[in-house]
Amino acid sequence: MRNSTSLRRAFRAETGLPLSEWRTRLRLNHSLTLLEQGHMVSAVAAWVGFSTNGYILAFRRYFGQTPGTYVRNWENELT
């Protein structure tokens, strides 16, 4: 247990983020590519390890918009 505590502290000192927050951000950032490839929100949520509702809430918290809004805005930028 002591080693895991040391690792968490070292990770936070290096990144400024708790490991769990860094991992969540990594999963959400990866989800952008999947959304841009045209996958459905529920499928993307499952692939990056969230329930659909949990994914939408985390996405909104991190990016300030829902995944559906992100996709619509991204599609509009392409046209």
N, C-alpha and C. Protein backbone atom coordinates (compact mmCIF):
# COMPACT_ATOMS: atom_id res chain seq x y z
N MET A 1 0.83 -1.19 0.00
CA MET A 1 0.00 0.00 0.00
C MET A 1 0.88 1.26 0.00
N ARG A 2 1.96 1.21 0.69
CA ARG A 2 2.82 2.38 0.79
C ARG A 2 3.38 2.77 -0.58
N ASN A 3 3.72 1.77 -1.42
CA ASN A 3 4.24 2.06 -2.75
C ASN A 3 3.20 2.73 -3.63
N SER A 4 1.96 2.30 -3.54
CA SER A 4 0.91 2.91 -4.36
C SER A 4 0.68 4.36 -3.93
N THR A 5 0.78 4.63 -2.65
CA THR A 5 0.63 6.01 -2.18
C THR A 5 1.77 6.87 -2.70
N SER A 6 2.97 6.34 -2.68
CA SER A 6 4.12 7.08 -3.20
C SER A 6 3.97 7.34 -4.69
N LEU A 7 3.49 6.34 -5.42
CA LEU A 7 3.28 6.49 -6.85
C LEU A 7 2.24 7.56 -7.14
N ARG A 8 1.13 7.54 -6.41
CA ARG A 8 0.08 8.54 -6.62
C ARG A 8 0.61 9.94 -6.33
N ARG A 9 1.36 10.09 -5.28
CA ARG A 9 1.93 11.40 -4.94
C ARG A 9 2.92 11.86 -6.00
N ALA A 10 3.77 10.97 -6.46
CA ALA A 10 4.74 11.32 -7.49
C ALA A 10 4.04 11.69 -8.79
N PHE A 11 3.01 10.95 -9.14
CA PHE A 11 2.26 11.23 -10.37
C PHE A 11 1.62 12.61 -10.29
N ARG A 12 1.00 12.90 -9.16
CA ARG A 12 0.34 14.20 -8.99
C ARG A 12 1.36 15.34 -9.00
N ALA A 13 2.52 15.13 -8.39
CA ALA A 13 3.56 16.16 -8.39
C ALA A 13 4.05 16.43 -9.80
N GLU A 14 4.15 15.39 -10.61
CA GLU A 14 4.66 15.53 -11.97
C GLU A 14 3.62 16.13 -12.92
N THR A 15 2.37 15.71 -12.81
CA THR A 15 1.34 16.12 -13.76
C THR A 15 0.43 17.22 -13.26
N GLY A 16 0.37 17.37 -11.93
CA GLY A 16 -0.57 18.32 -11.35
C GLY A 16 -1.98 17.78 -11.24
N LEU A 17 -2.15 16.51 -11.58
CA LEU A 17 -3.47 15.88 -11.56
C LEU A 17 -3.41 14.57 -10.79
N PRO A 18 -4.50 14.23 -10.10
CA PRO A 18 -4.58 12.88 -9.56
C PRO A 18 -4.64 11.88 -10.72
N LEU A 19 -4.14 10.69 -10.51
CA LEU A 19 -4.13 9.67 -11.56
C LEU A 19 -5.53 9.43 -12.12
N SER A 20 -6.54 9.39 -11.26
CA SER A 20 -7.91 9.13 -11.73
C SER A 20 -8.40 10.24 -12.67
N GLU A 21 -8.08 11.48 -12.36
CA GLU A 21 -8.48 12.60 -13.23
C GLU A 21 -7.74 12.55 -14.56
N TRP A 22 -6.45 12.24 -14.53
CA TRP A 22 -5.65 12.13 -15.75
C TRP A 22 -6.23 11.03 -16.65
N ARG A 23 -6.56 9.90 -16.03
CA ARG A 23 -7.13 8.78 -16.78
C ARG A 23 -8.48 9.14 -17.40
N THR A 24 -9.32 9.84 -16.65
CA THR A 24 -10.61 10.27 -17.19
C THR A 24 -10.41 11.20 -18.37
N ARG A 25 -9.50 12.14 -18.24
CA ARG A 25 -9.23 13.07 -19.36
C ARG A 25 -8.71 12.32 -20.58
N LEU A 26 -7.85 11.35 -20.37
CA LEU A 26 -7.33 10.56 -21.47
C LEU A 26 -8.46 9.83 -22.19
N ARG A 27 -9.36 9.23 -21.42
CA ARG A 27 -10.49 8.52 -22.01
C ARG A 27 -11.40 9.48 -22.78
N LEU A 28 -11.66 10.65 -22.21
CA LEU A 28 -12.52 11.62 -22.89
C LEU A 28 -11.86 12.15 -24.16
N ASN A 29 -10.57 12.44 -24.10
CA ASN A 29 -9.89 12.92 -25.30
C ASN A 29 -9.89 11.87 -26.39
N HIS A 30 -9.71 10.60 -26.03
CA HIS A 30 -9.77 9.53 -27.02
C HIS A 30 -11.17 9.43 -27.63
N SER A 31 -12.17 9.72 -26.85
CA SER A 31 -13.55 9.61 -27.34
C SER A 31 -13.83 10.60 -28.47
N LEU A 32 -13.10 11.72 -28.52
CA LEU A 32 -13.32 12.70 -29.58
C LEU A 32 -13.08 12.07 -30.95
N THR A 33 -12.02 11.30 -31.08
CA THR A 33 -11.72 10.63 -32.34
C THR A 33 -12.83 9.67 -32.73
N LEU A 34 -13.32 8.94 -31.76
CA LEU A 34 -14.40 7.98 -32.04
C LEU A 34 -15.67 8.69 -32.48
N LEU A 35 -16.00 9.80 -31.83
CA LEU A 35 -17.18 10.59 -32.22
C LEU A 35 -17.00 11.14 -33.64
N GLU A 36 -15.81 11.62 -33.94
CA GLU A 36 -15.54 12.19 -35.26
C GLU A 36 -15.58 11.12 -36.35
N GLN A 37 -15.39 9.87 -35.98
CA GLN A 37 -15.48 8.77 -36.94
C GLN A 37 -16.93 8.36 -37.18
N GLY A 38 -17.87 8.99 -36.47
CA GLY A 38 -19.28 8.74 -36.71
C GLY A 38 -19.93 7.70 -35.81
N HIS A 39 -19.22 7.27 -34.79
CA HIS A 39 -19.81 6.28 -33.88
C HIS A 39 -20.86 6.93 -32.98
N MET A 40 -21.84 6.14 -32.59
CA MET A 40 -22.91 6.63 -31.73
C MET A 40 -22.37 6.90 -30.32
N VAL A 41 -22.97 7.86 -29.65
CA VAL A 41 -22.54 8.27 -28.32
C VAL A 41 -22.55 7.09 -27.36
N SER A 42 -23.58 6.27 -27.40
CA SER A 42 -23.66 5.13 -26.47
C SER A 42 -22.53 4.14 -26.71
N ALA A 43 -22.16 3.92 -27.96
CA ALA A 43 -21.06 3.01 -28.28
C ALA A 43 -19.73 3.59 -27.82
N VAL A 44 -19.53 4.87 -28.07
CA VAL A 44 -18.30 5.53 -27.66
C VAL A 44 -18.18 5.46 -26.13
N ALA A 45 -19.28 5.74 -25.45
CA ALA A 45 -19.27 5.69 -23.98
C ALA A 45 -18.79 4.32 -23.50
N ALA A 46 -19.33 3.28 -24.07
CA ALA A 46 -18.95 1.92 -23.66
C ALA A 46 -17.48 1.64 -23.99
N TRP A 47 -17.04 2.07 -25.16
CA TRP A 47 -15.65 1.80 -25.56
C TRP A 47 -14.63 2.50 -24.68
N VAL A 48 -15.00 3.64 -24.13
CA VAL A 48 -14.04 4.36 -23.27
C VAL A 48 -14.33 4.14 -21.79
N GLY A 49 -15.25 3.22 -21.48
CA GLY A 49 -15.44 2.77 -20.11
C GLY A 49 -16.42 3.54 -19.26
N PHE A 50 -17.44 4.12 -19.88
CA PHE A 50 -18.46 4.85 -19.14
C PHE A 50 -19.83 4.26 -19.45
N SER A 51 -20.78 4.49 -18.54
CA SER A 51 -22.18 4.31 -18.91
C SER A 51 -22.52 5.51 -19.80
N THR A 52 -23.60 5.42 -20.55
CA THR A 52 -23.95 6.53 -21.44
C THR A 52 -24.17 7.81 -20.65
N ASN A 53 -24.95 7.75 -19.57
CA ASN A 53 -25.21 8.96 -18.79
C ASN A 53 -23.95 9.49 -18.13
N GLY A 54 -23.13 8.59 -17.60
CA GLY A 54 -21.88 9.00 -16.97
C GLY A 54 -20.95 9.67 -17.97
N TYR A 55 -20.93 9.14 -19.19
CA TYR A 55 -20.10 9.72 -20.25
C TYR A 55 -20.57 11.13 -20.61
N ILE A 56 -21.86 11.29 -20.80
CA ILE A 56 -22.39 12.61 -21.15
C ILE A 56 -22.08 13.62 -20.06
N LEU A 57 -22.26 13.23 -18.81
CA LEU A 57 -21.96 14.14 -17.70
C LEU A 57 -20.48 14.50 -17.64
N ALA A 58 -19.62 13.50 -17.77
CA ALA A 58 -18.18 13.76 -17.73
C ALA A 58 -17.75 14.60 -18.92
N PHE A 59 -18.29 14.32 -20.09
CA PHE A 59 -17.96 15.06 -21.30
C PHE A 59 -18.35 16.53 -21.14
N ARG A 60 -19.56 16.76 -20.64
CA ARG A 60 -20.03 18.13 -20.44
C ARG A 60 -19.17 18.86 -19.42
N ARG A 61 -18.80 18.18 -18.35
CA ARG A 61 -17.97 18.78 -17.31
C ARG A 61 -16.59 19.16 -17.87
N TYR A 62 -16.03 18.31 -18.72
CA TYR A 62 -14.68 18.52 -19.22
C TYR A 62 -14.65 19.47 -20.43
N PHE A 63 -15.60 19.31 -21.36
CA PHE A 63 -15.57 20.08 -22.60
C PHE A 63 -16.59 21.21 -22.64
N GLY A 64 -17.50 21.28 -21.69
CA GLY A 64 -18.48 22.36 -21.64
C GLY A 64 -19.64 22.20 -22.61
N GLN A 65 -19.81 21.03 -23.17
CA GLN A 65 -20.92 20.74 -24.08
C GLN A 65 -21.15 19.23 -24.10
N THR A 66 -22.29 18.83 -24.59
CA THR A 66 -22.58 17.40 -24.67
C THR A 66 -21.86 16.80 -25.88
N PRO A 67 -21.71 15.48 -25.90
CA PRO A 67 -21.10 14.85 -27.07
C PRO A 67 -21.89 15.13 -28.35
N GLY A 68 -23.22 15.14 -28.25
CA GLY A 68 -24.04 15.43 -29.44
C GLY A 68 -23.79 16.82 -29.98
N THR A 69 -23.69 17.79 -29.10
CA THR A 69 -23.39 19.16 -29.52
C THR A 69 -22.00 19.23 -30.14
N TYR A 70 -21.05 18.54 -29.54
CA TYR A 70 -19.69 18.51 -30.08
C TYR A 70 -19.70 17.98 -31.52
N VAL A 71 -20.41 16.88 -31.75
CA VAL A 71 -20.46 16.28 -33.09
C VAL A 71 -21.09 17.24 -34.09
N ARG A 72 -22.21 17.87 -33.69
CA ARG A 72 -22.86 18.82 -34.60
C ARG A 72 -21.94 19.99 -34.93
N ASN A 73 -21.26 20.53 -33.96
CA ASN A 73 -20.33 21.63 -34.21
C ASN A 73 -19.16 21.19 -35.08
N TRP A 74 -18.65 19.99 -34.81
CA TRP A 74 -17.55 19.45 -35.61
C TRP A 74 -17.97 19.25 -37.06
N GLU A 75 -19.17 18.72 -37.28
CA GLU A 75 -19.69 18.52 -38.63
C GLU A 75 -19.88 19.85 -39.35
N ASN A 76 -20.35 20.87 -38.63
CA ASN A 76 -20.53 22.19 -39.25
C ASN A 76 -19.21 22.82 -39.66
N GLU A 77 -18.16 22.54 -38.92
CA GLU A 77 -16.85 23.08 -39.28
C GLU A 77 -16.31 22.47 -40.56
N LEU A 78 -16.77 21.26 -40.88
CA LEU A 78 -16.30 20.58 -42.08
C LEU A 78 -16.97 21.11 -43.34
N THR A 79 -18.13 21.72 -43.18
CA THR A 79 -18.86 22.20 -44.36
C THR A 79 -18.63 23.66 -44.62
